[in-house]
Amino acid sequence: MIPGRLCSRRSGALSLILVIGLSTTIHSTQAQSETCSLPSQHAGVTFPIEKIDPDWTCRLEAIVGNYTIANKVGPIQTGLPESLYHNLLDRPPLAAALINRLDLGLYKSEERGPGRFWGYDGEGTEGIVQLVYEDRTSRIYYLEGSHDSRLLPHMAGKAVVFLKMNQVKDASGMEAMDSTMVSYTKLDNRILSGLVSLLRPLIGGTVTGKLSKGVETVNRLSQLMRQHPDRVLFEAMDPPALPDEDIAFLKQALENLSNSSGATQSRTTSP
């Protein structure tokens, strides 16, 4: 009887410890989330921070509140309608494949889960991008990646990118999107972080250049989609063709672009 009672007591004690441990963990997590906060304004641009999942707040604050480099890029205009612009943001592998096939860059991208993608820019920068929040005019991303170049030592770190989008009209009266990005980068290497005052021009220039080039490359892609839709579709279908789902989406997108461009030109030339 004693061994049975002892076993029972041990089981009860383990259960109690487990419950207390879980309760402590949950309470600690809740308390941590309650103490973490992010400003709603970044470089003069307002974002709906209050709508971010609380689980992400502390992870983002650790970077935004202790960043190595902060950058603002934009507004940069991209000649795409709002719906198509959003759809390409949702399909990094498709955008990267088109950029590659049209000789606009060496980008690569693969889906790694819902809202999660691996990316490589062909120039030494690669990493994982996780979509944290999105609505019609705002997106917030969390990144983990690395960069190798001749000018700088190997760099690894984390970043938060705030993207603000506004629908506008370009000089021809066609739909376009203005994009502004604010990024906070925190290097993992403490030595590099300590030398940030010396390296800031190089690191800051690298980050700004990467962000600007990405948006500008998408803008060049948008111009080709408007001006040379047949070429874009040909490259997409050139063996090995892109997935059927992407081809179907691209055909519809190019047709919509052609129709919107034609309608705009008609309004412009009509007496």
C-alpha atoms as a PDB file:
ATOM      1  CA  MET A   1       0.000   0.000   0.000  1.00  0.00           C
ATOM      2  CA  ILE A   2       2.839   2.359   0.770  1.00  0.00           C
ATOM      3  CA  PRO A   3       4.365   2.183  -2.753  1.00  0.00           C
ATOM      4  CA  GLY A   4       0.937   2.859  -4.240  1.00  0.00           C
ATOM      5  CA  ARG A   5       0.362   5.838  -1.974  1.00  0.00           C
ATOM      6  CA  LEU A   6       3.865   7.121  -2.699  1.00  0.00           C
ATOM      7  CA  CYS A   7       3.284   6.814  -6.433  1.00  0.00           C
ATOM      8  CA  SER A   8      -0.057   8.558  -6.062  1.00  0.00           C
ATOM      9  CA  ARG A   9       1.516  11.356  -4.062  1.00  0.00           C
ATOM     10  CA  ARG A  10       4.272  11.768  -6.643  1.00  0.00           C
ATOM     11  CA  SER A  11       1.752  11.856  -9.457  1.00  0.00           C
ATOM     12  CA  GLY A  12      -0.271  14.417  -7.562  1.00  0.00           C
ATOM     13  CA  ALA A  13       2.819  16.500  -6.882  1.00  0.00           C
ATOM     14  CA  LEU A  14       3.884  16.344 -10.534  1.00  0.00           C
ATOM     15  CA  SER A  15       0.400  17.362 -11.621  1.00  0.00           C
ATOM     16  CA  LEU A  16       0.448  20.264  -9.188  1.00  0.00           C
ATOM     17  CA  ILE A  17       3.879  21.377 -10.421  1.00  0.00           C
ATOM     18  CA  LEU A  18       2.686  21.127 -14.015  1.00  0.00           C
ATOM     19  CA  VAL A  19      -0.401  23.228 -13.298  1.00  0.00           C
ATOM     20  CA  ILE A  20       1.631  25.809 -11.374  1.00  0.00           C
ATOM     21  CA  GLY A  21       4.241  25.870 -14.123  1.00  0.00           C
ATOM     22  CA  LEU A  22       1.658  26.396 -16.838  1.00  0.00           C
ATOM     23  CA  SER A  23      -0.112  29.054 -14.807  1.00  0.00           C
ATOM     24  CA  THR A  24       3.172  30.849 -14.178  1.00  0.00           C
ATOM     25  CA  THR A  25       4.116  30.665 -17.850  1.00  0.00           C
ATOM     26  CA  ILE A  26       0.747  31.958 -18.996  1.00  0.00           C
ATOM     27  CA  HIS A  27       0.777  34.731 -16.402  1.00  0.00           C
ATOM     28  CA  SER A  28       4.347  35.659 -17.334  1.00  0.00           C
ATOM     29  CA  THR A  29       3.477  35.777 -21.029  1.00  0.00           C
ATOM     30  CA  GLN A  30       0.413  37.908 -20.391  1.00  0.00           C
ATOM     31  CA  ALA A  31       2.351  40.258 -18.139  1.00  0.00           C
ATOM     32  CA  GLN A  32       5.112  40.548 -20.725  1.00  0.00           C
ATOM     33  CA  SER A  33       2.617  41.350 -23.484  1.00  0.00           C
ATOM     34  CA  GLU A  34       0.976  43.954 -21.271  1.00  0.00           C
ATOM     35  CA  THR A  35       4.303  45.674 -20.584  1.00  0.00           C
ATOM     36  CA  CYS A  36       5.414  45.704 -24.233  1.00  0.00           C
ATOM     37  CA  SER A  37       4.305  48.534 -26.470  1.00  0.00           C
ATOM     38  CA  LEU A  38       5.155  50.055 -29.828  1.00  0.00           C
ATOM     39  CA  PRO A  39       4.727  53.649 -30.970  1.00  0.00           C
ATOM     40  CA  SER A  40       2.098  54.153 -33.644  1.00  0.00           C
ATOM     41  CA  GLN A  41       4.183  56.707 -35.544  1.00  0.00           C
ATOM     42  CA  HIS A  42       7.368  55.798 -37.357  1.00  0.00           C
ATOM     43  CA  ALA A  43       9.285  58.475 -39.267  1.00  0.00           C
ATOM     44  CA  GLY A  44       6.116  60.542 -39.397  1.00  0.00           C
ATOM     45  CA  VAL A  45       3.969  57.696 -40.756  1.00  0.00           C
ATOM     46  CA  THR A  46       1.129  56.277 -38.641  1.00  0.00           C
ATOM     47  CA  PHE A  47       0.415  52.547 -38.360  1.00  0.00           C
ATOM     48  CA  PRO A  48      -2.405  50.665 -36.543  1.00  0.00           C
ATOM     49  CA  ILE A  49      -0.124  49.186 -33.888  1.00  0.00           C
ATOM     50  CA  GLU A  50      -3.070  48.428 -31.596  1.00  0.00           C
ATOM     51  CA  LYS A  51      -4.271  45.794 -34.069  1.00  0.00           C
ATOM     52  CA  ILE A  52      -1.083  43.718 -33.961  1.00  0.00           C
ATOM     53  CA  ASP A  53      -1.358  40.290 -32.351  1.00  0.00           C
ATOM     54  CA  PRO A  54      -0.138  40.740 -28.734  1.00  0.00           C
ATOM     55  CA  ASP A  55       2.184  37.752 -29.148  1.00  0.00           C
ATOM     56  CA  TRP A  56       4.165  39.767 -31.676  1.00  0.00           C
ATOM     57  CA  THR A  57       4.342  43.032 -29.757  1.00  0.00           C
ATOM     58  CA  CYS A  58       7.324  42.126 -27.562  1.00  0.00           C
ATOM     59  CA  ARG A  59       9.249  40.538 -30.430  1.00  0.00           C
ATOM     60  CA  LEU A  60       8.885  43.682 -32.508  1.00  0.00           C
ATOM     61  CA  GLU A  61       9.587  46.011 -29.583  1.00  0.00           C
ATOM     62  CA  ALA A  62      12.886  44.230 -28.903  1.00  0.00           C
ATOM     63  CA  ILE A  63      14.036  45.364 -32.347  1.00  0.00           C
ATOM     64  CA  VAL A  64      12.325  48.741 -32.680  1.00  0.00           C
ATOM     65  CA  GLY A  65      13.401  49.786 -29.180  1.00  0.00           C
ATOM     66  CA  ASN A  66      17.001  48.590 -29.587  1.00  0.00           C
ATOM     67  CA  TYR A  67      17.698  48.979 -33.289  1.00  0.00           C
ATOM     68  CA  THR A  68      21.144  49.292 -34.839  1.00  0.00           C
ATOM     69  CA  ILE A  69      19.991  51.126 -37.962  1.00  0.00           C
ATOM     70  CA  ALA A  70      16.693  52.813 -38.855  1.00  0.00           C
ATOM     71  CA  ASN A  71      15.750  53.803 -42.408  1.00  0.00           C
ATOM     72  CA  LYS A  72      12.915  55.416 -44.308  1.00  0.00           C
ATOM     73  CA  VAL A  73      12.428  54.897 -48.046  1.00  0.00           C
ATOM     74  CA  GLY A  74       9.780  56.592 -50.150  1.00  0.00           C
ATOM     75  CA  PRO A  75       7.233  57.395 -51.092  1.00  0.00           C
ATOM     76  CA  ILE A  76       8.105  55.497 -54.286  1.00  0.00           C
ATOM     77  CA  GLN A  77       5.456  55.156 -56.970  1.00  0.00           C
ATOM     78  CA  THR A  78       4.653  51.819 -58.605  1.00  0.00           C
ATOM     79  CA  GLY A  79       2.491  51.749 -61.729  1.00  0.00           C
ATOM     80  CA  LEU A  80       0.059  49.047 -60.629  1.00  0.00           C
ATOM     81  CA  PRO A  81      -3.595  49.158 -59.552  1.00  0.00           C
ATOM     82  CA  GLU A  82      -4.176  48.570 -55.857  1.00  0.00           C
ATOM     83  CA  SER A  83      -5.596  45.049 -56.200  1.00  0.00           C
ATOM     84  CA  LEU A  84      -2.736  43.802 -58.387  1.00  0.00           C
ATOM     85  CA  TYR A  85      -0.136  45.445 -56.164  1.00  0.00           C
ATOM     86  CA  HIS A  86      -1.580  43.660 -53.119  1.00  0.00           C
ATOM     87  CA  ASN A  87      -1.760  40.357 -54.989  1.00  0.00           C
ATOM     88  CA  LEU A  88       1.916  40.536 -55.933  1.00  0.00           C
ATOM     89  CA  LEU A  89       2.786  41.317 -52.307  1.00  0.00           C
ATOM     90  CA  ASP A  90       0.913  38.123 -51.405  1.00  0.00           C
ATOM     91  CA  ARG A  91       2.859  36.121 -54.016  1.00  0.00           C
ATOM     92  CA  PRO A  92       6.608  36.768 -53.536  1.00  0.00           C
ATOM     93  CA  PRO A  93       7.606  33.569 -55.408  1.00  0.00           C
ATOM     94  CA  LEU A  94       5.632  34.698 -58.490  1.00  0.00           C
ATOM     95  CA  ALA A  95       7.029  38.238 -58.379  1.00  0.00           C
ATOM     96  CA  ALA A  96      10.575  36.902 -57.937  1.00  0.00           C
ATOM     97  CA  ALA A  97      10.162  34.420 -60.806  1.00  0.00           C
ATOM     98  CA  LEU A  98       8.895  37.122 -63.184  1.00  0.00           C
ATOM     99  CA  ILE A  99      11.708  39.490 -62.189  1.00  0.00           C
ATOM    100  CA  ASN A 100      14.209  36.708 -62.829  1.00  0.00           C
ATOM    101  CA  ARG A 101      12.774  35.604 -66.178  1.00  0.00           C
ATOM    102  CA  LEU A 102      12.499  39.181 -67.436  1.00  0.00           C
ATOM    103  CA  ASP A 103      16.147  39.852 -66.502  1.00  0.00           C
ATOM    104  CA  LEU A 104      15.229  42.558 -64.007  1.00  0.00           C
ATOM    105  CA  GLY A 105      17.109  40.936 -61.145  1.00  0.00           C
ATOM    106  CA  LEU A 106      18.221  37.670 -59.566  1.00  0.00           C
ATOM    107  CA  TYR A 107      15.553  37.413 -56.898  1.00  0.00           C
ATOM    108  CA  LYS A 108      14.409  34.045 -55.559  1.00  0.00           C
ATOM    109  CA  SER A 109      11.588  33.269 -53.161  1.00  0.00           C
ATOM    110  CA  GLU A 110       9.880  30.220 -51.679  1.00  0.00           C
ATOM    111  CA  GLU A 111       6.812  29.887 -49.486  1.00  0.00           C
ATOM    112  CA  ARG A 112       7.589  28.491 -46.032  1.00  0.00           C
ATOM    113  CA  GLY A 113       4.137  28.627 -44.455  1.00  0.00           C
ATOM    114  CA  PRO A 114       1.160  31.006 -44.190  1.00  0.00           C
ATOM    115  CA  GLY A 115       2.449  34.540 -44.708  1.00  0.00           C
ATOM    116  CA  ARG A 116       6.024  33.261 -44.378  1.00  0.00           C
ATOM    117  CA  PHE A 117       8.588  33.314 -47.193  1.00  0.00           C
ATOM    118  CA  TRP A 118      12.271  32.723 -47.802  1.00  0.00           C
ATOM    119  CA  GLY A 119      13.925  35.234 -50.092  1.00  0.00           C
ATOM    120  CA  TYR A 120      17.291  35.890 -51.763  1.00  0.00           C
ATOM    121  CA  ASP A 121      18.183  38.998 -53.756  1.00  0.00           C
ATOM    122  CA  GLY A 122      21.075  37.524 -55.746  1.00  0.00           C
ATOM    123  CA  GLU A 123      23.514  39.959 -54.145  1.00  0.00           C
ATOM    124  CA  GLY A 124      24.317  38.344 -50.821  1.00  0.00           C
ATOM    125  CA  THR A 125      21.160  39.056 -48.836  1.00  0.00           C
ATOM    126  CA  GLU A 126      18.798  36.259 -47.811  1.00  0.00           C
ATOM    127  CA  GLY A 127      16.382  35.479 -45.033  1.00  0.00           C
ATOM    128  CA  ILE A 128      12.882  34.706 -43.832  1.00  0.00           C
ATOM    129  CA  VAL A 129      10.082  37.256 -44.085  1.00  0.00           C
ATOM    130  CA  GLN A 130       7.004  36.861 -41.888  1.00  0.00           C
ATOM    131  CA  LEU A 131       3.856  38.923 -42.417  1.00  0.00           C
ATOM    132  CA  VAL A 132       2.752  40.145 -38.980  1.00  0.00           C
ATOM    133  CA  TYR A 133      -0.152  42.424 -39.896  1.00  0.00           C
ATOM    134  CA  GLU A 134      -1.952  43.637 -43.015  1.00  0.00           C
ATOM    135  CA  ASP A 135      -4.848  45.810 -44.045  1.00  0.00           C
ATOM    136  CA  ARG A 136      -5.674  47.840 -47.135  1.00  0.00           C
ATOM    137  CA  THR A 137      -3.048  50.534 -46.512  1.00  0.00           C
ATOM    138  CA  SER A 138      -0.560  49.005 -44.059  1.00  0.00           C
ATOM    139  CA  ARG A 139       1.646  45.962 -43.710  1.00  0.00           C
ATOM    140  CA  ILE A 140       4.103  45.050 -40.998  1.00  0.00           C
ATOM    141  CA  TYR A 141       6.821  42.449 -41.541  1.00  0.00           C
ATOM    142  CA  TYR A 142       9.289  40.653 -39.279  1.00  0.00           C
ATOM    143  CA  LEU A 143      12.548  39.526 -40.895  1.00  0.00           C
ATOM    144  CA  GLU A 144      15.482  37.326 -39.940  1.00  0.00           C
ATOM    145  CA  GLY A 145      18.368  37.243 -42.371  1.00  0.00           C
ATOM    146  CA  SER A 146      21.994  37.760 -43.274  1.00  0.00           C
ATOM    147  CA  HIS A 147      24.110  39.728 -45.717  1.00  0.00           C
ATOM    148  CA  ASP A 148      27.534  39.029 -47.229  1.00  0.00           C
ATOM    149  CA  SER A 149      29.508  41.518 -49.288  1.00  0.00           C
ATOM    150  CA  ARG A 150      33.054  42.597 -50.052  1.00  0.00           C
ATOM    151  CA  LEU A 151      32.700  45.910 -48.236  1.00  0.00           C
ATOM    152  CA  LEU A 152      31.253  44.582 -44.992  1.00  0.00           C
ATOM    153  CA  PRO A 153      31.875  41.536 -42.789  1.00  0.00           C
ATOM    154  CA  HIS A 154      29.176  38.876 -42.569  1.00  0.00           C
ATOM    155  CA  MET A 155      26.112  40.420 -40.966  1.00  0.00           C
ATOM    156  CA  ALA A 156      23.143  38.623 -39.451  1.00  0.00           C
ATOM    157  CA  GLY A 157      20.224  40.172 -37.697  1.00  0.00           C
ATOM    158  CA  LYS A 158      16.539  40.845 -37.399  1.00  0.00           C
ATOM    159  CA  ALA A 159      14.397  43.639 -38.763  1.00  0.00           C
ATOM    160  CA  VAL A 160      10.920  45.120 -38.631  1.00  0.00           C
ATOM    161  CA  VAL A 161       9.563  46.755 -41.772  1.00  0.00           C
ATOM    162  CA  PHE A 162       6.518  49.021 -41.722  1.00  0.00           C
ATOM    163  CA  LEU A 163       4.965  49.469 -45.174  1.00  0.00           C
ATOM    164  CA  LYS A 164       2.399  52.178 -45.900  1.00  0.00           C
ATOM    165  CA  MET A 165       0.520  52.113 -49.232  1.00  0.00           C
ATOM    166  CA  ASN A 166      -1.670  54.755 -50.840  1.00  0.00           C
ATOM    167  CA  GLN A 167      -3.600  54.558 -54.101  1.00  0.00           C
ATOM    168  CA  VAL A 168      -2.807  57.471 -56.444  1.00  0.00           C
ATOM    169  CA  LYS A 169      -2.924  58.466 -60.117  1.00  0.00           C
ATOM    170  CA  ASP A 170       0.255  58.731 -62.159  1.00  0.00           C
ATOM    171  CA  ALA A 171       1.064  61.515 -64.638  1.00  0.00           C
ATOM    172  CA  SER A 172      -0.987  59.725 -67.321  1.00  0.00           C
ATOM    173  CA  GLY A 173      -4.023  59.405 -65.075  1.00  0.00           C
ATOM    174  CA  MET A 174      -3.590  55.659 -64.554  1.00  0.00           C
ATOM    175  CA  GLU A 175      -3.919  53.929 -61.198  1.00  0.00           C
ATOM    176  CA  ALA A 176      -0.687  53.597 -59.246  1.00  0.00           C
ATOM    177  CA  MET A 177       0.522  52.997 -55.698  1.00  0.00           C
ATOM    178  CA  ASP A 178       2.749  55.123 -53.489  1.00  0.00           C
ATOM    179  CA  SER A 179       4.788  53.042 -51.037  1.00  0.00           C
ATOM    180  CA  THR A 180       6.692  54.245 -47.984  1.00  0.00           C
ATOM    181  CA  MET A 181       8.824  51.871 -45.915  1.00  0.00           C
ATOM    182  CA  VAL A 182      10.262  52.415 -42.463  1.00  0.00           C
ATOM    183  CA  SER A 183      12.680  49.740 -41.272  1.00  0.00           C
ATOM    184  CA  TYR A 184      14.462  48.981 -38.016  1.00  0.00           C
ATOM    185  CA  THR A 185      17.430  46.599 -38.178  1.00  0.00           C
ATOM    186  CA  LYS A 186      19.129  45.027 -35.169  1.00  0.00           C
ATOM    187  CA  LEU A 187      22.404  43.210 -35.768  1.00  0.00           C
ATOM    188  CA  ASP A 188      23.099  39.978 -33.902  1.00  0.00           C
ATOM    189  CA  ASN A 189      26.854  40.662 -33.792  1.00  0.00           C
ATOM    190  CA  ARG A 190      27.554  42.766 -30.694  1.00  0.00           C
ATOM    191  CA  ILE A 191      30.952  43.853 -31.997  1.00  0.00           C
ATOM    192  CA  LEU A 192      29.425  45.237 -35.185  1.00  0.00           C
ATOM    193  CA  SER A 193      26.653  46.857 -33.171  1.00  0.00           C
ATOM    194  CA  GLY A 194      29.303  48.499 -30.996  1.00  0.00           C
ATOM    195  CA  LEU A 195      31.007  49.894 -34.091  1.00  0.00           C
ATOM    196  CA  VAL A 196      27.738  51.188 -35.505  1.00  0.00           C
ATOM    197  CA  SER A 197      28.871  54.826 -35.362  1.00  0.00           C
ATOM    198  CA  LEU A 198      31.686  53.953 -37.758  1.00  0.00           C
ATOM    199  CA  LEU A 199      29.753  51.500 -39.906  1.00  0.00           C
ATOM    200  CA  ARG A 200      26.424  53.365 -40.018  1.00  0.00           C
ATOM    201  CA  PRO A 201      27.068  54.975 -43.447  1.00  0.00           C
ATOM    202  CA  LEU A 202      27.888  51.582 -44.982  1.00  0.00           C
ATOM    203  CA  ILE A 203      25.213  49.544 -43.203  1.00  0.00           C
ATOM    204  CA  GLY A 204      22.579  52.248 -43.548  1.00  0.00           C
ATOM    205  CA  GLY A 205      23.383  52.648 -47.221  1.00  0.00           C
ATOM    206  CA  THR A 206      23.174  48.891 -47.741  1.00  0.00           C
ATOM    207  CA  VAL A 207      19.765  48.595 -46.070  1.00  0.00           C
ATOM    208  CA  THR A 208      18.380  51.649 -47.869  1.00  0.00           C
ATOM    209  CA  GLY A 209      19.751  50.401 -51.169  1.00  0.00           C
ATOM    210  CA  LYS A 210      18.146  46.986 -50.721  1.00  0.00           C
ATOM    211  CA  LEU A 211      14.742  48.451 -49.877  1.00  0.00           C
ATOM    212  CA  SER A 212      14.862  51.011 -52.686  1.00  0.00           C
ATOM    213  CA  LYS A 213      16.037  48.502 -55.253  1.00  0.00           C
ATOM    214  CA  GLY A 214      13.265  46.085 -54.323  1.00  0.00           C
ATOM    215  CA  VAL A 215      10.543  48.683 -54.858  1.00  0.00           C
ATOM    216  CA  GLU A 216      12.161  50.051 -58.011  1.00  0.00           C
ATOM    217  CA  THR A 217      12.462  46.537 -59.454  1.00  0.00           C
ATOM    218  CA  VAL A 218       8.753  45.931 -58.871  1.00  0.00           C
ATOM    219  CA  ASN A 219       8.095  49.263 -60.583  1.00  0.00           C
ATOM    220  CA  ARG A 220      10.075  48.136 -63.641  1.00  0.00           C
ATOM    221  CA  LEU A 221       8.077  44.907 -63.614  1.00  0.00           C
ATOM    222  CA  SER A 222       4.841  46.908 -63.536  1.00  0.00           C
ATOM    223  CA  GLN A 223       5.964  48.923 -66.566  1.00  0.00           C
ATOM    224  CA  LEU A 224       6.641  45.740 -68.531  1.00  0.00           C
ATOM    225  CA  MET A 225       3.281  44.306 -67.511  1.00  0.00           C
ATOM    226  CA  ARG A 226       1.548  47.416 -68.875  1.00  0.00           C
ATOM    227  CA  GLN A 227       3.639  47.963 -71.987  1.00  0.00           C
ATOM    228  CA  HIS A 228       4.620  44.416 -72.990  1.00  0.00           C
ATOM    229  CA  PRO A 229       2.034  41.993 -71.538  1.00  0.00           C
ATOM    230  CA  ASP A 230       2.689  39.402 -74.269  1.00  0.00           C
ATOM    231  CA  ARG A 231       6.365  39.227 -73.361  1.00  0.00           C
ATOM    232  CA  VAL A 232       5.577  38.873 -69.656  1.00  0.00           C
ATOM    233  CA  LEU A 233       3.158  36.016 -70.325  1.00  0.00           C
ATOM    234  CA  PHE A 234       5.590  34.359 -72.755  1.00  0.00           C
ATOM    235  CA  GLU A 235       8.370  34.353 -70.161  1.00  0.00           C
ATOM    236  CA  ALA A 236       5.998  32.990 -67.522  1.00  0.00           C
ATOM    237  CA  MET A 237       4.944  30.118 -69.788  1.00  0.00           C
ATOM    238  CA  ASP A 238       8.411  29.404 -71.182  1.00  0.00           C
ATOM    239  CA  PRO A 239       9.414  25.862 -70.079  1.00  0.00           C
ATOM    240  CA  PRO A 240       9.570  25.087 -67.292  1.00  0.00           C
ATOM    241  CA  ALA A 241       6.359  27.085 -67.009  1.00  0.00           C
ATOM    242  CA  LEU A 242       5.251  28.640 -63.759  1.00  0.00           C
ATOM    243  CA  PRO A 243       2.504  26.798 -61.812  1.00  0.00           C
ATOM    244  CA  ASP A 244      -0.938  26.739 -63.469  1.00  0.00           C
ATOM    245  CA  GLU A 245      -2.415  28.823 -60.652  1.00  0.00           C
ATOM    246  CA  ASP A 246       0.161  31.574 -61.239  1.00  0.00           C
ATOM    247  CA  ILE A 247      -0.381  31.499 -65.012  1.00  0.00           C
ATOM    248  CA  ALA A 248      -4.148  31.844 -64.583  1.00  0.00           C
ATOM    249  CA  PHE A 249      -3.686  34.736 -62.157  1.00  0.00           C
ATOM    250  CA  LEU A 250      -1.187  36.436 -64.471  1.00  0.00           C
ATOM    251  CA  LYS A 251      -3.437  36.158 -67.533  1.00  0.00           C
ATOM    252  CA  GLN A 252      -6.310  37.789 -65.659  1.00  0.00           C
ATOM    253  CA  ALA A 253      -4.053  40.486 -64.219  1.00  0.00           C
ATOM    254  CA  LEU A 254      -2.569  41.371 -67.617  1.00  0.00           C
ATOM    255  CA  GLU A 255      -6.019  41.501 -69.192  1.00  0.00           C
ATOM    256  CA  ASN A 256      -7.257  43.819 -66.448  1.00  0.00           C
ATOM    257  CA  LEU A 257      -4.205  46.041 -66.880  1.00  0.00           C
ATOM    258  CA  SER A 258      -4.768  46.237 -70.627  1.00  0.00           C
ATOM    259  CA  ASN A 259      -8.427  47.160 -70.166  1.00  0.00           C
ATOM    260  CA  SER A 260      -7.668  49.836 -67.572  1.00  0.00           C
ATOM    261  CA  SER A 261      -4.918  51.333 -69.732  1.00  0.00           C
ATOM    262  CA  GLY A 262      -7.215  51.415 -72.758  1.00  0.00           C
ATOM    263  CA  ALA A 263     -10.009  53.069 -70.800  1.00  0.00           C
ATOM    264  CA  THR A 264      -7.637  55.708 -69.444  1.00  0.00           C
ATOM    265  CA  GLN A 265      -6.296  56.513 -72.912  1.00  0.00           C
ATOM    266  CA  SER A 266      -9.847  56.830 -74.275  1.00  0.00           C
ATOM    267  CA  ARG A 267     -10.770  59.306 -71.555  1.00  0.00           C
ATOM    268  CA  THR A 268      -7.570  61.247 -72.187  1.00  0.00           C
ATOM    269  CA  THR A 269      -8.027  61.546 -75.968  1.00  0.00           C
ATOM    270  CA  SER A 270     -11.796  62.060 -76.061  1.00  0.00           C
ATOM    271  CA  PRO A 271     -12.902  65.631 -76.952  1.00  0.00           C
END
